[in-house]
PDB file of N, CA and C in Angstrom:
ATOM      1  N   UNK A   1      10.053  60.096  -9.786  1.00  0.00           N
ATOM      2  CA  UNK A   1       9.555  58.726  -9.767  1.00  0.00           C
ATOM      3  C   UNK A   1       8.028  58.760  -9.653  1.00  0.00           C
ATOM      4  N   UNK A   2       7.333  58.037 -10.538  1.00  0.00           N
ATOM      5  CA  UNK A   2       5.867  58.081 -10.498  1.00  0.00           C
ATOM      6  C   UNK A   2       5.348  57.361  -9.251  1.00  0.00           C
ATOM      7  N   UNK A   3       4.256  57.834  -8.734  1.00  0.00           N
ATOM      8  CA  UNK A   3       3.637  57.202  -7.562  1.00  0.00           C
ATOM      9  C   UNK A   3       2.566  56.231  -8.026  1.00  0.00           C
ATOM     10  N   UNK A   4       2.316  55.258  -7.174  1.00  0.00           N
ATOM     11  CA  UNK A   4       1.299  54.251  -7.477  1.00  0.00           C
ATOM     12  C   UNK A   4       0.046  54.605  -6.692  1.00  0.00           C
ATOM     13  N   UNK A   5      -1.051  54.472  -7.353  1.00  0.00           N
ATOM     14  CA  UNK A   5      -2.341  54.757  -6.740  1.00  0.00           C
ATOM     15  C   UNK A   5      -2.552  53.852  -5.535  1.00  0.00           C
ATOM     16  N   UNK A   6      -3.071  54.407  -4.452  1.00  0.00           N
ATOM     17  CA  UNK A   6      -3.310  53.617  -3.233  1.00  0.00           C
ATOM     18  C   UNK A   6      -4.301  52.481  -3.458  1.00  0.00           C
ATOM     19  N   UNK A   7      -5.257  52.656  -4.339  1.00  0.00           N
ATOM     20  CA  UNK A   7      -6.227  51.587  -4.621  1.00  0.00           C
ATOM     21  C   UNK A   7      -5.551  50.390  -5.289  1.00  0.00           C
ATOM     22  N   UNK A   8      -4.578  50.651  -6.133  1.00  0.00           N
ATOM     23  CA  UNK A   8      -3.837  49.564  -6.791  1.00  0.00           C
ATOM     24  C   UNK A   8      -3.027  48.803  -5.745  1.00  0.00           C
ATOM     25  N   UNK A   9      -2.380  49.542  -4.860  1.00  0.00           N
ATOM     26  CA  UNK A   9      -1.592  48.898  -3.793  1.00  0.00           C
ATOM     27  C   UNK A   9      -2.498  48.042  -2.920  1.00  0.00           C
ATOM     28  N   UNK A  10      -3.654  48.571  -2.534  1.00  0.00           N
ATOM     29  CA  UNK A  10      -4.594  47.807  -1.714  1.00  0.00           C
ATOM     30  C   UNK A  10      -5.074  46.544  -2.436  1.00  0.00           C
ATOM     31  N   UNK A  11      -5.331  46.641  -3.734  1.00  0.00           N
ATOM     32  CA  UNK A  11      -5.792  45.476  -4.501  1.00  0.00           C
ATOM     33  C   UNK A  11      -4.719  44.395  -4.541  1.00  0.00           C
ATOM     34  N   UNK A  12      -3.468  44.796  -4.751  1.00  0.00           N
ATOM     35  CA  UNK A  12      -2.370  43.826  -4.802  1.00  0.00           C
ATOM     36  C   UNK A  12      -2.168  43.183  -3.440  1.00  0.00           C
ATOM     37  N   UNK A  13      -2.194  43.976  -2.390  1.00  0.00           N
ATOM     38  CA  UNK A  13      -2.011  43.444  -1.037  1.00  0.00           C
ATOM     39  C   UNK A  13      -3.155  42.493  -0.687  1.00  0.00           C
ATOM     40  N   UNK A  14      -4.381  42.864  -1.028  1.00  0.00           N
ATOM     41  CA  UNK A  14      -5.528  42.001  -0.746  1.00  0.00           C
ATOM     42  C   UNK A  14      -5.411  40.666  -1.480  1.00  0.00           C
ATOM     43  N   UNK A  15      -4.975  40.711  -2.720  1.00  0.00           N
ATOM     44  CA  UNK A  15      -4.803  39.478  -3.493  1.00  0.00           C
ATOM     45  C   UNK A  15      -3.727  38.593  -2.876  1.00  0.00           C
ATOM     46  N   UNK A  16      -2.630  39.195  -2.473  1.00  0.00           N
ATOM     47  CA  UNK A  16      -1.548  38.424  -1.845  1.00  0.00           C
ATOM     48  C   UNK A  16      -1.998  37.785  -0.544  1.00  0.00           C
ATOM     49  N   UNK A  17      -2.745  38.521   0.262  1.00  0.00           N
ATOM     50  CA  UNK A  17      -3.256  37.983   1.525  1.00  0.00           C
ATOM     51  C   UNK A  17      -4.211  36.829   1.256  1.00  0.00           C
ATOM     52  N   UNK A  18      -5.060  36.979   0.245  1.00  0.00           N
ATOM     53  CA  UNK A  18      -6.011  35.920  -0.112  1.00  0.00           C
ATOM     54  C   UNK A  18      -5.270  34.653  -0.541  1.00  0.00           C
ATOM     55  N   UNK A  19      -4.261  34.799  -1.372  1.00  0.00           N
ATOM     56  CA  UNK A  19      -3.494  33.641  -1.846  1.00  0.00           C
ATOM     57  C   UNK A  19      -2.787  32.950  -0.686  1.00  0.00           C
ATOM     58  N   UNK A  20      -2.173  33.744   0.176  1.00  0.00           N
ATOM     59  CA  UNK A  20      -1.476  33.158   1.323  1.00  0.00           C
ATOM     60  C   UNK A  20      -2.447  32.495   2.294  1.00  0.00           C
ATOM     61  N   UNK A  21      -3.629  33.057   2.432  1.00  0.00           N
ATOM     62  CA  UNK A  21      -4.634  32.472   3.319  1.00  0.00           C
ATOM     63  C   UNK A  21      -5.173  31.149   2.806  1.00  0.00           C
ATOM     64  N   UNK A  22      -5.266  31.027   1.497  1.00  0.00           N
ATOM     65  CA  UNK A  22      -5.809  29.801   0.914  1.00  0.00           C
ATOM     66  C   UNK A  22      -4.760  28.709   0.753  1.00  0.00           C
ATOM     67  N   UNK A  23      -3.502  29.031   0.856  1.00  0.00           N
ATOM     68  CA  UNK A  23      -2.433  28.060   0.596  1.00  0.00           C
ATOM     69  C   UNK A  23      -2.501  26.877   1.553  1.00  0.00           C
ATOM     70  N   UNK A  24      -2.754  27.140   2.831  1.00  0.00           N
ATOM     71  CA  UNK A  24      -2.799  26.047   3.806  1.00  0.00           C
ATOM     72  C   UNK A  24      -3.943  25.087   3.512  1.00  0.00           C
ATOM     73  N   UNK A  25      -5.103  25.616   3.164  1.00  0.00           N
ATOM     74  CA  UNK A  25      -6.251  24.767   2.859  1.00  0.00           C
ATOM     75  C   UNK A  25      -5.992  23.932   1.611  1.00  0.00           C
ATOM     76  N   UNK A  26      -5.368  24.522   0.616  1.00  0.00           N
ATOM     77  CA  UNK A  26      -5.065  23.779  -0.602  1.00  0.00           C
ATOM     78  C   UNK A  26      -4.039  22.686  -0.325  1.00  0.00           C
ATOM     79  N   UNK A  27      -3.058  22.998   0.513  1.00  0.00           N
ATOM     80  CA  UNK A  27      -2.046  21.997   0.844  1.00  0.00           C
ATOM     81  C   UNK A  27      -2.679  20.817   1.578  1.00  0.00           C
ATOM     82  N   UNK A  28      -3.572  21.101   2.507  1.00  0.00           N
ATOM     83  CA  UNK A  28      -4.263  20.015   3.212  1.00  0.00           C
ATOM     84  C   UNK A  28      -5.137  19.215   2.257  1.00  0.00           C
ATOM     85  N   UNK A  29      -5.773  19.897   1.317  1.00  0.00           N
ATOM     86  CA  UNK A  29      -6.588  19.192   0.330  1.00  0.00           C
ATOM     87  C   UNK A  29      -5.759  18.219  -0.486  1.00  0.00           C
ATOM     88  N   UNK A  30      -4.588  18.645  -0.906  1.00  0.00           N
ATOM     89  CA  UNK A  30      -3.693  17.766  -1.668  1.00  0.00           C
ATOM     90  C   UNK A  30      -3.228  16.599  -0.799  1.00  0.00           C
ATOM     91  N   UNK A  31      -2.920  16.879   0.461  1.00  0.00           N
ATOM     92  CA  UNK A  31      -2.476  15.810   1.365  1.00  0.00           C
ATOM     93  C   UNK A  31      -3.579  14.777   1.572  1.00  0.00           C
ATOM     94  N   UNK A  32      -4.815  15.233   1.788  1.00  0.00           N
ATOM     95  CA  UNK A  32      -5.934  14.304   1.980  1.00  0.00           C
ATOM     96  C   UNK A  32      -6.219  13.511   0.710  1.00  0.00           C
ATOM     97  N   UNK A  33      -6.077  14.158  -0.435  1.00  0.00           N
ATOM     98  CA  UNK A  33      -6.305  13.468  -1.696  1.00  0.00           C
ATOM     99  C   UNK A  33      -5.252  12.377  -1.905  1.00  0.00           C
ATOM    100  N   UNK A  34      -4.010  12.672  -1.558  1.00  0.00           N
ATOM    101  CA  UNK A  34      -2.946  11.672  -1.668  1.00  0.00           C
ATOM    102  C   UNK A  34      -3.189  10.508  -0.712  1.00  0.00           C
ATOM    103  N   UNK A  35      -3.646  10.824   0.492  1.00  0.00           N
ATOM    104  CA  UNK A  35      -3.951   9.771   1.466  1.00  0.00           C
ATOM    105  C   UNK A  35      -5.076   8.873   0.961  1.00  0.00           C
ATOM    106  N   UNK A  36      -6.110   9.469   0.398  1.00  0.00           N
ATOM    107  CA  UNK A  36      -7.220   8.680  -0.131  1.00  0.00           C
ATOM    108  C   UNK A  36      -6.767   7.798  -1.290  1.00  0.00           C
ATOM    109  N   UNK A  37      -5.915   8.334  -2.153  1.00  0.00           N
ATOM    110  CA  UNK A  37      -5.419   7.559  -3.299  1.00  0.00           C
ATOM    111  C   UNK A  37      -4.573   6.388  -2.827  1.00  0.00           C
ATOM    112  N   UNK A  38      -3.675   6.626  -1.873  1.00  0.00           N
ATOM    113  CA  UNK A  38      -2.807   5.543  -1.406  1.00  0.00           C
ATOM    114  C   UNK A  38      -3.612   4.486  -0.655  1.00  0.00           C
ATOM    115  N   UNK A  39      -4.637   4.905   0.082  1.00  0.00           N
ATOM    116  CA  UNK A  39      -5.489   3.940   0.774  1.00  0.00           C
ATOM    117  C   UNK A  39      -6.260   3.090  -0.237  1.00  0.00           C
ATOM    118  N   UNK A  40      -6.744   3.725  -1.283  1.00  0.00           N
ATOM    119  CA  UNK A  40      -7.446   2.979  -2.329  1.00  0.00           C
ATOM    120  C   UNK A  40      -6.537   1.963  -3.009  1.00  0.00           C
ATOM    121  N   UNK A  41      -5.295   2.350  -3.284  1.00  0.00           N
ATOM    122  CA  UNK A  41      -4.350   1.415  -3.894  1.00  0.00           C
ATOM    123  C   UNK A  41      -4.023   0.260  -2.948  1.00  0.00           C
ATOM    124  N   UNK A  42      -3.918   0.541  -1.657  1.00  0.00           N
ATOM    125  CA  UNK A  42      -3.662  -0.523  -0.687  1.00  0.00           C
ATOM    126  C   UNK A  42      -4.820  -1.522  -0.656  1.00  0.00           C
ATOM    127  N   UNK A  43      -6.043  -1.009  -0.716  1.00  0.00           N
ATOM    128  CA  UNK A  43      -7.209  -1.902  -0.730  1.00  0.00           C
ATOM    129  C   UNK A  43      -7.241  -2.728  -2.012  1.00  0.00           C
ATOM    130  N   UNK A  44      -6.877  -2.107  -3.132  1.00  0.00           N
ATOM    131  CA  UNK A  44      -6.846  -2.831  -4.400  1.00  0.00           C
ATOM    132  C   UNK A  44      -5.799  -3.939  -4.362  1.00  0.00           C
ATOM    133  N   UNK A  45      -4.632  -3.639  -3.813  1.00  0.00           N
ATOM    134  CA  UNK A  45      -3.589  -4.655  -3.700  1.00  0.00           C
ATOM    135  C   UNK A  45      -4.033  -5.805  -2.793  1.00  0.00           C
ATOM    136  N   UNK A  46      -4.705  -5.479  -1.691  1.00  0.00           N
ATOM    137  CA  UNK A  46      -5.192  -6.525  -0.786  1.00  0.00           C
ATOM    138  C   UNK A  46      -6.214  -7.411  -1.482  1.00  0.00           C
ATOM    139  N   UNK A  47      -7.081  -6.797  -2.285  1.00  0.00           N
ATOM    140  CA  UNK A  47      -8.096  -7.561  -3.005  1.00  0.00           C
ATOM    141  C   UNK A  47      -7.448  -8.496  -4.034  1.00  0.00           C
ATOM    142  N   UNK A  48      -6.451  -7.985  -4.747  1.00  0.00           N
ATOM    143  CA  UNK A  48      -5.770  -8.816  -5.743  1.00  0.00           C
ATOM    144  C   UNK A  48      -5.024  -9.969  -5.083  1.00  0.00           C
ATOM    145  N   UNK A  49      -4.409  -9.710  -3.947  1.00  0.00           N
ATOM    146  CA  UNK A  49      -3.718 -10.772  -3.209  1.00  0.00           C
ATOM    147  C   UNK A  49      -4.704 -11.824  -2.735  1.00  0.00           C
ATOM    148  N   UNK A  50      -5.832 -11.383  -2.217  1.00  0.00           N
ATOM    149  CA  UNK A  50      -6.851 -12.315  -1.757  1.00  0.00           C
ATOM    150  C   UNK A  50      -7.368 -13.171  -2.912  1.00  0.00           C
ATOM    151  N   UNK A  51      -7.560 -12.554  -4.080  1.00  0.00           N
ATOM    152  CA  UNK A  51      -8.007 -13.321  -5.240  1.00  0.00           C
ATOM    153  C   UNK A  51      -6.981 -14.348  -5.675  1.00  0.00           C
ATOM    154  N   UNK A  52      -5.698 -13.988  -5.640  1.00  0.00           N
ATOM    155  CA  UNK A  52      -4.640 -14.937  -5.974  1.00  0.00           C
ATOM    156  C   UNK A  52      -4.585 -16.100  -5.006  1.00  0.00           C
ATOM    157  N   UNK A  53      -4.751 -15.800  -3.722  1.00  0.00           N
ATOM    158  CA  UNK A  53      -4.751 -16.872  -2.722  1.00  0.00           C
ATOM    159  C   UNK A  53      -5.961 -17.792  -2.905  1.00  0.00           C
ATOM    160  N   UNK A  54      -7.092 -17.227  -3.320  1.00  0.00           N
ATOM    161  CA  UNK A  54      -8.271 -18.051  -3.567  1.00  0.00           C
ATOM    162  C   UNK A  54      -8.023 -19.009  -4.733  1.00  0.00           C
ATOM    163  N   UNK A  55      -7.311 -18.554  -5.764  1.00  0.00           N
ATOM    164  CA  UNK A  55      -6.987 -19.442  -6.879  1.00  0.00           C
ATOM    165  C   UNK A  55      -6.073 -20.578  -6.427  1.00  0.00           C
ATOM    166  N   UNK A  56      -5.103 -20.258  -5.596  1.00  0.00           N
ATOM    167  CA  UNK A  56      -4.201 -21.295  -5.082  1.00  0.00           C
ATOM    168  C   UNK A  56      -4.980 -22.288  -4.229  1.00  0.00           C
ATOM    169  N   UNK A  57      -5.885 -21.783  -3.392  1.00  0.00           N
ATOM    170  CA  UNK A  57      -6.699 -22.659  -2.544  1.00  0.00           C
ATOM    171  C   UNK A  57      -7.573 -23.570  -3.392  1.00  0.00           C
ATOM    172  N   UNK A  58      -8.164 -23.028  -4.433  1.00  0.00           N
ATOM    173  CA  UNK A  58      -9.011 -23.850  -5.313  1.00  0.00           C
ATOM    174  C   UNK A  58      -8.195 -24.959  -5.976  1.00  0.00           C
ATOM    175  N   UNK A  59      -7.000 -24.628  -6.417  1.00  0.00           N
ATOM    176  CA  UNK A  59      -6.147 -25.642  -7.044  1.00  0.00           C
ATOM    177  C   UNK A  59      -5.762 -26.722  -6.046  1.00  0.00           C
ATOM    178  N   UNK A  60      -5.377 -26.327  -4.845  1.00  0.00           N
ATOM    179  CA  UNK A  60      -4.991 -27.302  -3.821  1.00  0.00           C
ATOM    180  C   UNK A  60      -6.171 -28.195  -3.444  1.00  0.00           C
ATOM    181  N   UNK A  61      -7.346 -27.604  -3.347  1.00  0.00           N
ATOM    182  CA  UNK A  61      -8.538 -28.392  -3.019  1.00  0.00           C
ATOM    183  C   UNK A  61      -8.845 -29.392  -4.132  1.00  0.00           C
ATOM    184  N   UNK A  62      -8.681 -28.978  -5.376  1.00  0.00           N
ATOM    185  CA  UNK A  62      -8.940 -29.885  -6.500  1.00  0.00           C
ATOM    186  C   UNK A  62      -7.970 -31.059  -6.497  1.00  0.00           C
ATOM    187  N   UNK A  63      -6.700 -30.775  -6.241  1.00  0.00           N
ATOM    188  CA  UNK A  63      -5.706 -31.847  -6.203  1.00  0.00           C
ATOM    189  C   UNK A  63      -5.986 -32.794  -5.042  1.00  0.00           C
ATOM    190  N   UNK A  64      -6.299 -32.238  -3.876  1.00  0.00           N
ATOM    191  CA  UNK A  64      -6.591 -33.086  -2.708  1.00  0.00           C
ATOM    192  C   UNK A  64      -7.826 -33.941  -2.948  1.00  0.00           C
ATOM    193  N   UNK A  65      -8.862 -33.346  -3.533  1.00  0.00           N
ATOM    194  CA  UNK A  65     -10.078 -34.119  -3.833  1.00  0.00           C
ATOM    195  C   UNK A  65      -9.783 -35.230  -4.840  1.00  0.00           C
ATOM    196  N   UNK A  66      -8.968 -34.927  -5.831  1.00  0.00           N
ATOM    197  CA  UNK A  66      -8.598 -35.939  -6.828  1.00  0.00           C
ATOM    198  C   UNK A  66      -7.865 -37.099  -6.179  1.00  0.00           C
ATOM    199  N   UNK A  67      -6.920 -36.782  -5.281  1.00  0.00           N
ATOM    200  CA  UNK A  67      -6.179 -37.846  -4.592  1.00  0.00           C
ATOM    201  C   UNK A  67      -7.088 -38.692  -3.712  1.00  0.00           C
ATOM    202  N   UNK A  68      -8.032 -38.048  -3.031  1.00  0.00           N
ATOM    203  CA  UNK A  68      -8.975 -38.774  -2.172  1.00  0.00           C
ATOM    204  C   UNK A  68      -9.821 -39.717  -3.022  1.00  0.00           C
ATOM    205  N   UNK A  69     -10.295 -39.243  -4.148  1.00  0.00           N
ATOM    206  CA  UNK A  69     -11.139 -40.076  -5.020  1.00  0.00           C
ATOM    207  C   UNK A  69     -10.350 -41.252  -5.594  1.00  0.00           C
ATOM    208  N   UNK A  70      -9.080 -41.020  -5.924  1.00  0.00           N
ATOM    209  CA  UNK A  70      -8.257 -42.119  -6.440  1.00  0.00           C
ATOM    210  C   UNK A  70      -8.023 -43.168  -5.361  1.00  0.00           C
ATOM    211  N   UNK A  71      -7.791 -42.726  -4.149  1.00  0.00           N
ATOM    212  CA  UNK A  71      -7.579 -43.671  -3.042  1.00  0.00           C
ATOM    213  C   UNK A  71      -8.856 -44.449  -2.750  1.00  0.00           C
ATOM    214  N   UNK A  72      -9.976 -43.793  -2.825  1.00  0.00           N
ATOM    215  CA  UNK A  72     -11.271 -44.429  -2.532  1.00  0.00           C
ATOM    216  C   UNK A  72     -11.643 -45.463  -3.570  1.00  0.00           C
ATOM    217  N   UNK A  73     -11.227 -45.277  -4.817  1.00  0.00           N
ATOM    218  CA  UNK A  73     -11.588 -46.225  -5.862  1.00  0.00           C
ATOM    219  C   UNK A  73     -10.503 -47.289  -6.071  1.00  0.00           C
ATOM    220  N   UNK A  74      -9.470 -47.219  -5.271  1.00  0.00           N
ATOM    221  CA  UNK A  74      -8.408 -48.207  -5.382  1.00  0.00           C
ATOM    222  C   UNK A  74      -7.478 -47.951  -6.544  1.00  0.00           C
ATOM    223  N   UNK A  75      -7.471 -46.753  -7.048  1.00  0.00           N
ATOM    224  CA  UNK A  75      -6.664 -46.446  -8.206  1.00  0.00           C
ATOM    225  C   UNK A  75      -5.292 -45.927  -7.883  1.00  0.00           C
ATOM    226  N   UNK A  76      -4.876 -45.861  -6.655  1.00  0.00           N
ATOM    227  CA  UNK A  76      -3.612 -45.234  -6.443  1.00  0.00           C
ATOM    228  C   UNK A  76      -2.862 -45.774  -5.309  1.00  0.00           C
TER     229      UNK A  76
END
């Protein structure tokens, strides 16, 4: 059975240790990136909801103002 050079074994072991050492940092990076993305989407949804509520408020204010003006002029 042929033997493997000790330098090759050391290179493979070093590479494996490096990959295993970096795995935790990469996993945390992915987790933080997902957290940032979900937080951004939550803020976007809140902004869209606020904009929709502002449109409803504007419509209600317009209707109320119209009714007040009609009552003031004796039209209703």
